[in-house]
Amino acid sequence: MSYVIKWKCQPEQCSASWAIAIRDARTEIEDSQEEFPSLNRAYIESIWDKCFSRAIKDAEDEMGRKSPVTSLSWAKVFEQKYTLLD
């Protein structure tokens, strides 16, 4: 989530490493879900707010400023394509 937040806040600074970090996090979650089926969407949604709060703090620390992002949708975190290529 923190890289998605940074992507939204600093589009001019987006990099391939950010896109890779987002993709790697998604893959890690998918792999964990295969190993532990209880880590399903319902569970992720139950911890969403806590994860978002932590991600905001991480992103703000990395950016050195407050984030205007107040929420993230499932689609923005898990479905939206983040790439530097058109």
PDB file of N, CA and C in Angstrom:
ATOM      1  N   MET A   1       0.813  -1.199   0.000  1.00  0.00           N
ATOM      2  CA  MET A   1       0.000   0.000   0.000  1.00  0.00           C
ATOM      3  C   MET A   1       0.859   1.269   0.000  1.00  0.00           C
ATOM      4  N   SER A   2       1.998   1.230   0.665  1.00  0.00           N
ATOM      5  CA  SER A   2       2.802   2.456   0.755  1.00  0.00           C
ATOM      6  C   SER A   2       3.293   2.907  -0.622  1.00  0.00           C
ATOM      7  N   TYR A   3       3.662   1.960  -1.481  1.00  0.00           N
ATOM      8  CA  TYR A   3       4.101   2.351  -2.823  1.00  0.00           C
ATOM      9  C   TYR A   3       2.938   2.862  -3.664  1.00  0.00           C
ATOM     10  N   VAL A   4       1.758   2.323  -3.470  1.00  0.00           N
ATOM     11  CA  VAL A   4       0.582   2.832  -4.176  1.00  0.00           C
ATOM     12  C   VAL A   4       0.304   4.265  -3.724  1.00  0.00           C
ATOM     13  N   ILE A   5       0.419   4.512  -2.437  1.00  0.00           N
ATOM     14  CA  ILE A   5       0.216   5.864  -1.902  1.00  0.00           C
ATOM     15  C   ILE A   5       1.245   6.813  -2.502  1.00  0.00           C
ATOM     16  N   LYS A   6       2.507   6.413  -2.500  1.00  0.00           N
ATOM     17  CA  LYS A   6       3.552   7.253  -3.072  1.00  0.00           C
ATOM     18  C   LYS A   6       3.314   7.485  -4.562  1.00  0.00           C
ATOM     19  N   TRP A   7       2.845   6.463  -5.272  1.00  0.00           N
ATOM     20  CA  TRP A   7       2.549   6.586  -6.711  1.00  0.00           C
ATOM     21  C   TRP A   7       1.486   7.658  -6.930  1.00  0.00           C
ATOM     22  N   LYS A   8       0.472   7.669  -6.059  1.00  0.00           N
ATOM     23  CA  LYS A   8      -0.612   8.648  -6.177  1.00  0.00           C
ATOM     24  C   LYS A   8      -0.139  10.054  -5.809  1.00  0.00           C
ATOM     25  N   CYS A   9       0.771  10.146  -4.836  1.00  0.00           N
ATOM     26  CA  CYS A   9       1.213  11.451  -4.331  1.00  0.00           C
ATOM     27  C   CYS A   9       2.356  12.057  -5.133  1.00  0.00           C
ATOM     28  N   GLN A  10       3.194  11.213  -5.709  1.00  0.00           N
ATOM     29  CA  GLN A  10       4.383  11.697  -6.401  1.00  0.00           C
ATOM     30  C   GLN A  10       4.517  11.051  -7.786  1.00  0.00           C
ATOM     31  N   PRO A  11       3.539  11.272  -8.661  1.00  0.00           N
ATOM     32  CA  PRO A  11       3.589  10.606  -9.976  1.00  0.00           C
ATOM     33  C   PRO A  11       4.841  10.954 -10.776  1.00  0.00           C
ATOM     34  N   GLU A  12       5.392  12.124 -10.530  1.00  0.00           N
ATOM     35  CA  GLU A  12       6.591  12.523 -11.266  1.00  0.00           C
ATOM     36  C   GLU A  12       7.840  11.746 -10.814  1.00  0.00           C
ATOM     37  N   GLN A  13       7.755  11.086  -9.674  1.00  0.00           N
ATOM     38  CA  GLN A  13       8.893  10.339  -9.155  1.00  0.00           C
ATOM     39  C   GLN A  13       8.718   8.821  -9.273  1.00  0.00           C
ATOM     40  N   CYS A  14       7.645   8.385  -9.909  1.00  0.00           N
ATOM     41  CA  CYS A  14       7.413   6.950 -10.073  1.00  0.00           C
ATOM     42  C   CYS A  14       8.605   6.327 -10.775  1.00  0.00           C
ATOM     43  N   SER A  15       8.911   5.123 -10.354  1.00  0.00           N
ATOM     44  CA  SER A  15      10.057   4.433 -10.947  1.00  0.00           C
ATOM     45  C   SER A  15       9.704   2.968 -11.173  1.00  0.00           C
ATOM     46  N   ALA A  16      10.545   2.326 -11.954  1.00  0.00           N
ATOM     47  CA  ALA A  16      10.359   0.894 -12.201  1.00  0.00           C
ATOM     48  C   ALA A  16      10.429   0.125 -10.890  1.00  0.00           C
ATOM     49  N   SER A  17      11.277   0.556  -9.973  1.00  0.00           N
ATOM     50  CA  SER A  17      11.393  -0.162  -8.702  1.00  0.00           C
ATOM     51  C   SER A  17      10.097  -0.075  -7.892  1.00  0.00           C
ATOM     52  N   TRP A  18       9.370   1.027  -8.010  1.00  0.00           N
ATOM     53  CA  TRP A  18       8.078   1.131  -7.332  1.00  0.00           C
ATOM     54  C   TRP A  18       7.092   0.148  -7.944  1.00  0.00           C
ATOM     55  N   ALA A  19       7.045   0.091  -9.270  1.00  0.00           N
ATOM     56  CA  ALA A  19       6.137  -0.839  -9.951  1.00  0.00           C
ATOM     57  C   ALA A  19       6.475  -2.277  -9.569  1.00  0.00           C
ATOM     58  N   ILE A  20       7.747  -2.586  -9.500  1.00  0.00           N
ATOM     59  CA  ILE A  20       8.179  -3.932  -9.120  1.00  0.00           C
ATOM     60  C   ILE A  20       7.808  -4.231  -7.674  1.00  0.00           C
ATOM     61  N   ALA A  21       7.965  -3.254  -6.788  1.00  0.00           N
ATOM     62  CA  ALA A  21       7.611  -3.454  -5.378  1.00  0.00           C
ATOM     63  C   ALA A  21       6.119  -3.746  -5.230  1.00  0.00           C
ATOM     64  N   ILE A  22       5.288  -3.053  -5.990  1.00  0.00           N
ATOM     65  CA  ILE A  22       3.842  -3.293  -5.945  1.00  0.00           C
ATOM     66  C   ILE A  22       3.535  -4.698  -6.459  1.00  0.00           C
ATOM     67  N   ARG A  23       4.117  -5.045  -7.585  1.00  0.00           N
ATOM     68  CA  ARG A  23       3.902  -6.378  -8.158  1.00  0.00           C
ATOM     69  C   ARG A  23       4.416  -7.477  -7.224  1.00  0.00           C
ATOM     70  N   ASP A  24       5.578  -7.279  -6.615  1.00  0.00           N
ATOM     71  CA  ASP A  24       6.127  -8.271  -5.688  1.00  0.00           C
ATOM     72  C   ASP A  24       5.239  -8.459  -4.461  1.00  0.00           C
ATOM     73  N   ALA A  25       4.703  -7.366  -3.950  1.00  0.00           N
ATOM     74  CA  ALA A  25       3.813  -7.464  -2.786  1.00  0.00           C
ATOM     75  C   ALA A  25       2.553  -8.238  -3.141  1.00  0.00           C
ATOM     76  N   ARG A  26       1.997  -7.977  -4.312  1.00  0.00           N
ATOM     77  CA  ARG A  26       0.815  -8.721  -4.762  1.00  0.00           C
ATOM     78  C   ARG A  26       1.125 -10.208  -4.881  1.00  0.00           C
ATOM     79  N   THR A  27       2.269 -10.536  -5.463  1.00  0.00           N
ATOM     80  CA  THR A  27       2.668 -11.937  -5.624  1.00  0.00           C
ATOM     81  C   THR A  27       2.866 -12.606  -4.275  1.00  0.00           C
ATOM     82  N   GLU A  28       3.483 -11.897  -3.353  1.00  0.00           N
ATOM     83  CA  GLU A  28       3.707 -12.437  -2.009  1.00  0.00           C
ATOM     84  C   GLU A  28       2.377 -12.731  -1.309  1.00  0.00           C
ATOM     85  N   ILE A  29       1.423 -11.850  -1.465  1.00  0.00           N
ATOM     86  CA  ILE A  29       0.101 -12.067  -0.873  1.00  0.00           C
ATOM     87  C   ILE A  29      -0.575 -13.269  -1.519  1.00  0.00           C
ATOM     88  N   GLU A  30      -0.517 -13.356  -2.840  1.00  0.00           N
ATOM     89  CA  GLU A  30      -1.108 -14.503  -3.539  1.00  0.00           C
ATOM     90  C   GLU A  30      -0.463 -15.816  -3.100  1.00  0.00           C
ATOM     91  N   ASP A  31       0.859 -15.826  -2.983  1.00  0.00           N
ATOM     92  CA  ASP A  31       1.560 -17.029  -2.533  1.00  0.00           C
ATOM     93  C   ASP A  31       1.152 -17.408  -1.118  1.00  0.00           C
ATOM     94  N   SER A  32       1.011 -16.422  -0.257  1.00  0.00           N
ATOM     95  CA  SER A  32       0.588 -16.678   1.121  1.00  0.00           C
ATOM     96  C   SER A  32      -0.832 -17.229   1.163  1.00  0.00           C
ATOM     97  N   GLN A  33      -1.693 -16.722   0.280  1.00  0.00           N
ATOM     98  CA  GLN A  33      -3.073 -17.205   0.237  1.00  0.00           C
ATOM     99  C   GLN A  33      -3.137 -18.663  -0.202  1.00  0.00           C
ATOM    100  N   GLU A  34      -2.241 -19.069  -1.091  1.00  0.00           N
ATOM    101  CA  GLU A  34      -2.208 -20.475  -1.499  1.00  0.00           C
ATOM    102  C   GLU A  34      -1.795 -21.369  -0.334  1.00  0.00           C
ATOM    103  N   GLU A  35      -0.836 -20.912   0.435  1.00  0.00           N
ATOM    104  CA  GLU A  35      -0.350 -21.692   1.576  1.00  0.00           C
ATOM    105  C   GLU A  35      -1.324 -21.646   2.753  1.00  0.00           C
ATOM    106  N   PHE A  36      -1.967 -20.507   2.930  1.00  0.00           N
ATOM    107  CA  PHE A  36      -2.896 -20.311   4.046  1.00  0.00           C
ATOM    108  C   PHE A  36      -4.225 -19.787   3.500  1.00  0.00           C
ATOM    109  N   PRO A  37      -5.129 -20.669   3.102  1.00  0.00           N
ATOM    110  CA  PRO A  37      -6.399 -20.249   2.492  1.00  0.00           C
ATOM    111  C   PRO A  37      -7.239 -19.310   3.361  1.00  0.00           C
ATOM    112  N   SER A  38      -6.999 -19.289   4.658  1.00  0.00           N
ATOM    113  CA  SER A  38      -7.764 -18.388   5.526  1.00  0.00           C
ATOM    114  C   SER A  38      -7.393 -16.917   5.289  1.00  0.00           C
ATOM    115  N   LEU A  39      -6.297 -16.673   4.585  1.00  0.00           N
ATOM    116  CA  LEU A  39      -5.905 -15.290   4.262  1.00  0.00           C
ATOM    117  C   LEU A  39      -6.643 -14.838   3.003  1.00  0.00           C
ATOM    118  N   ASN A  40      -7.955 -14.928   3.068  1.00  0.00           N
ATOM    119  CA  ASN A  40      -8.806 -14.605   1.925  1.00  0.00           C
ATOM    120  C   ASN A  40      -9.173 -13.119   1.915  1.00  0.00           C
ATOM    121  N   ARG A  41      -9.956 -12.743   0.950  1.00  0.00           N
ATOM    122  CA  ARG A  41     -10.331 -11.335   0.822  1.00  0.00           C
ATOM    123  C   ARG A  41     -11.039 -10.820   2.081  1.00  0.00           C
ATOM    124  N   ALA A  42     -11.914 -11.631   2.645  1.00  0.00           N
ATOM    125  CA  ALA A  42     -12.628 -11.200   3.853  1.00  0.00           C
ATOM    126  C   ALA A  42     -11.651 -10.886   4.984  1.00  0.00           C
ATOM    127  N   TYR A  43     -10.637 -11.718   5.135  1.00  0.00           N
ATOM    128  CA  TYR A  43      -9.636 -11.467   6.183  1.00  0.00           C
ATOM    129  C   TYR A  43      -8.853 -10.191   5.875  1.00  0.00           C
ATOM    130  N   ILE A  44      -8.418 -10.053   4.628  1.00  0.00           N
ATOM    131  CA  ILE A  44      -7.658  -8.858   4.262  1.00  0.00           C
ATOM    132  C   ILE A  44      -8.489  -7.603   4.501  1.00  0.00           C
ATOM    133  N   GLU A  45      -9.758  -7.652   4.137  1.00  0.00           N
ATOM    134  CA  GLU A  45     -10.626  -6.494   4.374  1.00  0.00           C
ATOM    135  C   GLU A  45     -10.796  -6.212   5.863  1.00  0.00           C
ATOM    136  N   SER A  46     -10.735  -7.254   6.698  1.00  0.00           N
ATOM    137  CA  SER A  46     -10.886  -7.050   8.148  1.00  0.00           C
ATOM    138  C   SER A  46      -9.683  -6.330   8.754  1.00  0.00           C
ATOM    139  N   ILE A  47      -8.520  -6.402   8.108  1.00  0.00           N
ATOM    140  CA  ILE A  47      -7.324  -5.713   8.619  1.00  0.00           C
ATOM    141  C   ILE A  47      -6.934  -4.515   7.750  1.00  0.00           C
ATOM    142  N   TRP A  48      -7.772  -4.186   6.788  1.00  0.00           N
ATOM    143  CA  TRP A  48      -7.480  -3.138   5.806  1.00  0.00           C
ATOM    144  C   TRP A  48      -7.120  -1.811   6.460  1.00  0.00           C
ATOM    145  N   ASP A  49      -7.937  -1.345   7.396  1.00  0.00           N
ATOM    146  CA  ASP A  49      -7.708  -0.030   8.001  1.00  0.00           C
ATOM    147  C   ASP A  49      -6.378   0.023   8.745  1.00  0.00           C
ATOM    148  N   LYS A  50      -6.046  -1.035   9.461  1.00  0.00           N
ATOM    149  CA  LYS A  50      -4.779  -1.084  10.186  1.00  0.00           C
ATOM    150  C   LYS A  50      -3.607  -1.062   9.203  1.00  0.00           C
ATOM    151  N   CYS A  51      -3.700  -1.828   8.143  1.00  0.00           N
ATOM    152  CA  CYS A  51      -2.648  -1.858   7.126  1.00  0.00           C
ATOM    153  C   CYS A  51      -2.525  -0.501   6.440  1.00  0.00           C
ATOM    154  N   PHE A  52      -3.656   0.117   6.155  1.00  0.00           N
ATOM    155  CA  PHE A  52      -3.638   1.422   5.497  1.00  0.00           C
ATOM    156  C   PHE A  52      -2.972   2.462   6.397  1.00  0.00           C
ATOM    157  N   SER A  53      -3.287   2.449   7.679  1.00  0.00           N
ATOM    158  CA  SER A  53      -2.675   3.405   8.612  1.00  0.00           C
ATOM    159  C   SER A  53      -1.162   3.257   8.642  1.00  0.00           C
ATOM    160  N   ARG A  54      -0.692   2.034   8.673  1.00  0.00           N
ATOM    161  CA  ARG A  54       0.758   1.791   8.666  1.00  0.00           C
ATOM    162  C   ARG A  54       1.380   2.238   7.351  1.00  0.00           C
ATOM    163  N   ALA A  55       0.702   1.956   6.249  1.00  0.00           N
ATOM    164  CA  ALA A  55       1.223   2.328   4.931  1.00  0.00           C
ATOM    165  C   ALA A  55       1.302   3.847   4.771  1.00  0.00           C
ATOM    166  N   ILE A  56       0.316   4.552   5.285  1.00  0.00           N
ATOM    167  CA  ILE A  56       0.334   6.019   5.239  1.00  0.00           C
ATOM    168  C   ILE A  56       1.557   6.533   5.985  1.00  0.00           C
ATOM    169  N   LYS A  57       1.801   6.015   7.189  1.00  0.00           N
ATOM    170  CA  LYS A  57       2.958   6.457   7.973  1.00  0.00           C
ATOM    171  C   LYS A  57       4.262   6.168   7.237  1.00  0.00           C
ATOM    172  N   ASP A  58       4.372   4.979   6.658  1.00  0.00           N
ATOM    173  CA  ASP A  58       5.584   4.628   5.913  1.00  0.00           C
ATOM    174  C   ASP A  58       5.782   5.545   4.710  1.00  0.00           C
ATOM    175  N   ALA A  59       4.725   5.760   3.954  1.00  0.00           N
ATOM    176  CA  ALA A  59       4.812   6.614   2.767  1.00  0.00           C
ATOM    177  C   ALA A  59       5.168   8.048   3.149  1.00  0.00           C
ATOM    178  N   GLU A  60       4.542   8.555   4.199  1.00  0.00           N
ATOM    179  CA  GLU A  60       4.830   9.923   4.626  1.00  0.00           C
ATOM    180  C   GLU A  60       6.278  10.058   5.085  1.00  0.00           C
ATOM    181  N   ASP A  61       6.779   9.077   5.806  1.00  0.00           N
ATOM    182  CA  ASP A  61       8.181   9.112   6.229  1.00  0.00           C
ATOM    183  C   ASP A  61       9.109   9.111   5.021  1.00  0.00           C
ATOM    184  N   GLU A  62       8.806   8.284   4.032  1.00  0.00           N
ATOM    185  CA  GLU A  62       9.648   8.218   2.839  1.00  0.00           C
ATOM    186  C   GLU A  62       9.562   9.490   2.001  1.00  0.00           C
ATOM    187  N   MET A  63       8.367  10.072   1.918  1.00  0.00           N
ATOM    188  CA  MET A  63       8.186  11.280   1.112  1.00  0.00           C
ATOM    189  C   MET A  63       8.634  12.537   1.845  1.00  0.00           C
ATOM    190  N   GLY A  64       8.661  12.481   3.171  1.00  0.00           N
ATOM    191  CA  GLY A  64       9.012  13.648   3.962  1.00  0.00           C
ATOM    192  C   GLY A  64       7.912  14.690   4.017  1.00  0.00           C
ATOM    193  N   ARG A  65       6.677  14.231   3.849  1.00  0.00           N
ATOM    194  CA  ARG A  65       5.524  15.146   3.909  1.00  0.00           C
ATOM    195  C   ARG A  65       4.246  14.356   4.133  1.00  0.00           C
ATOM    196  N   LYS A  66       3.188  15.076   4.497  1.00  0.00           N
ATOM    197  CA  LYS A  66       1.884  14.463   4.715  1.00  0.00           C
ATOM    198  C   LYS A  66       1.291  14.016   3.386  1.00  0.00           C
ATOM    199  N   SER A  67       0.538  12.944   3.442  1.00  0.00           N
ATOM    200  CA  SER A  67      -0.122  12.422   2.253  1.00  0.00           C
ATOM    201  C   SER A  67      -1.557  12.935   2.169  1.00  0.00           C
ATOM    202  N   PRO A  68      -1.984  13.352   0.987  1.00  0.00           N
ATOM    203  CA  PRO A  68      -3.376  13.750   0.818  1.00  0.00           C
ATOM    204  C   PRO A  68      -4.304  12.542   0.616  1.00  0.00           C
ATOM    205  N   VAL A  69      -3.725  11.352   0.452  1.00  0.00           N
ATOM    206  CA  VAL A  69      -4.525  10.141   0.230  1.00  0.00           C
ATOM    207  C   VAL A  69      -5.221   9.773   1.539  1.00  0.00           C
ATOM    208  N   THR A  70      -6.538   9.631   1.482  1.00  0.00           N
ATOM    209  CA  THR A  70      -7.303   9.321   2.691  1.00  0.00           C
ATOM    210  C   THR A  70      -7.868   7.903   2.689  1.00  0.00           C
ATOM    211  N   SER A  71      -7.794   7.243   1.536  1.00  0.00           N
ATOM    212  CA  SER A  71      -8.266   5.866   1.450  1.00  0.00           C
ATOM    213  C   SER A  71      -7.728   5.233   0.170  1.00  0.00           C
ATOM    214  N   LEU A  72      -7.751   3.914   0.147  1.00  0.00           N
ATOM    215  CA  LEU A  72      -7.388   3.160  -1.050  1.00  0.00           C
ATOM    216  C   LEU A  72      -8.426   2.070  -1.256  1.00  0.00           C
ATOM    217  N   SER A  73      -8.835   1.898  -2.486  1.00  0.00           N
ATOM    218  CA  SER A  73      -9.797   0.847  -2.805  1.00  0.00           C
ATOM    219  C   SER A  73      -9.062  -0.463  -3.069  1.00  0.00           C
ATOM    220  N   TRP A  74      -9.814  -1.544  -3.023  1.00  0.00           N
ATOM    221  CA  TRP A  74      -9.281  -2.865  -3.359  1.00  0.00           C
ATOM    222  C   TRP A  74      -8.666  -2.831  -4.757  1.00  0.00           C
ATOM    223  N   ALA A  75      -9.384  -2.219  -5.695  1.00  0.00           N
ATOM    224  CA  ALA A  75      -8.921  -2.171  -7.080  1.00  0.00           C
ATOM    225  C   ALA A  75      -7.595  -1.430  -7.203  1.00  0.00           C
ATOM    226  N   LYS A  76      -7.432  -0.328  -6.488  1.00  0.00           N
ATOM    227  CA  LYS A  76      -6.178   0.427  -6.571  1.00  0.00           C
ATOM    228  C   LYS A  76      -5.008  -0.356  -6.002  1.00  0.00           C
ATOM    229  N   VAL A  77      -5.255  -1.159  -4.999  1.00  0.00           N
ATOM    230  CA  VAL A  77      -4.174  -1.926  -4.373  1.00  0.00           C
ATOM    231  C   VAL A  77      -3.884  -3.217  -5.120  1.00  0.00           C
ATOM    232  N   PHE A  78      -4.936  -3.931  -5.552  1.00  0.00           N
ATOM    233  CA  PHE A  78      -4.738  -5.268  -6.093  1.00  0.00           C
ATOM    234  C   PHE A  78      -4.978  -5.424  -7.593  1.00  0.00           C
ATOM    235  N   GLU A  79      -5.625  -4.459  -8.234  1.00  0.00           N
ATOM    236  CA  GLU A  79      -6.001  -4.656  -9.634  1.00  0.00           C
ATOM    237  C   GLU A  79      -5.431  -3.618 -10.602  1.00  0.00           C
ATOM    238  N   GLN A  80      -5.258  -2.396 -10.150  1.00  0.00           N
ATOM    239  CA  GLN A  80      -4.782  -1.351 -11.048  1.00  0.00           C
ATOM    240  C   GLN A  80      -3.372  -1.676 -11.538  1.00  0.00           C
ATOM    241  N   LYS A  81      -3.115  -1.360 -12.788  1.00  0.00           N
ATOM    242  CA  LYS A  81      -1.803  -1.608 -13.373  1.00  0.00           C
ATOM    243  C   LYS A  81      -0.901  -0.412 -13.070  1.00  0.00           C
ATOM    244  N   TYR A  82       0.262  -0.693 -12.518  1.00  0.00           N
ATOM    245  CA  TYR A  82       1.261   0.335 -12.235  1.00  0.00           C
ATOM    246  C   TYR A  82       2.484   0.027 -13.084  1.00  0.00           C
ATOM    247  N   THR A  83       2.705   0.859 -14.091  1.00  0.00           N
ATOM    248  CA  THR A  83       3.823   0.659 -14.990  1.00  0.00           C
ATOM    249  C   THR A  83       4.244   2.002 -15.566  1.00  0.00           C
ATOM    250  N   LEU A  84       5.474   2.095 -15.961  1.00  0.00           N
ATOM    251  CA  LEU A  84       5.959   3.303 -16.603  1.00  0.00           C
ATOM    252  C   LEU A  84       5.724   3.257 -18.100  1.00  0.00           C
ATOM    253  N   LEU A  85       5.343   2.073 -18.591  1.00  0.00           N
ATOM    254  CA  LEU A  85       5.071   1.897 -20.012  1.00  0.00           C
ATOM    255  C   LEU A  85       3.612   2.171 -20.305  1.00  0.00           C
ATOM    256  N   ASP A  86       3.334   2.724 -21.453  1.00  0.00           N
ATOM    257  CA  ASP A  86       1.922   2.971 -21.838  1.00  0.00           C
ATOM    258  C   ASP A  86       1.308   1.743 -22.437  1.00  0.00           C
TER     259      ASP A  86
END
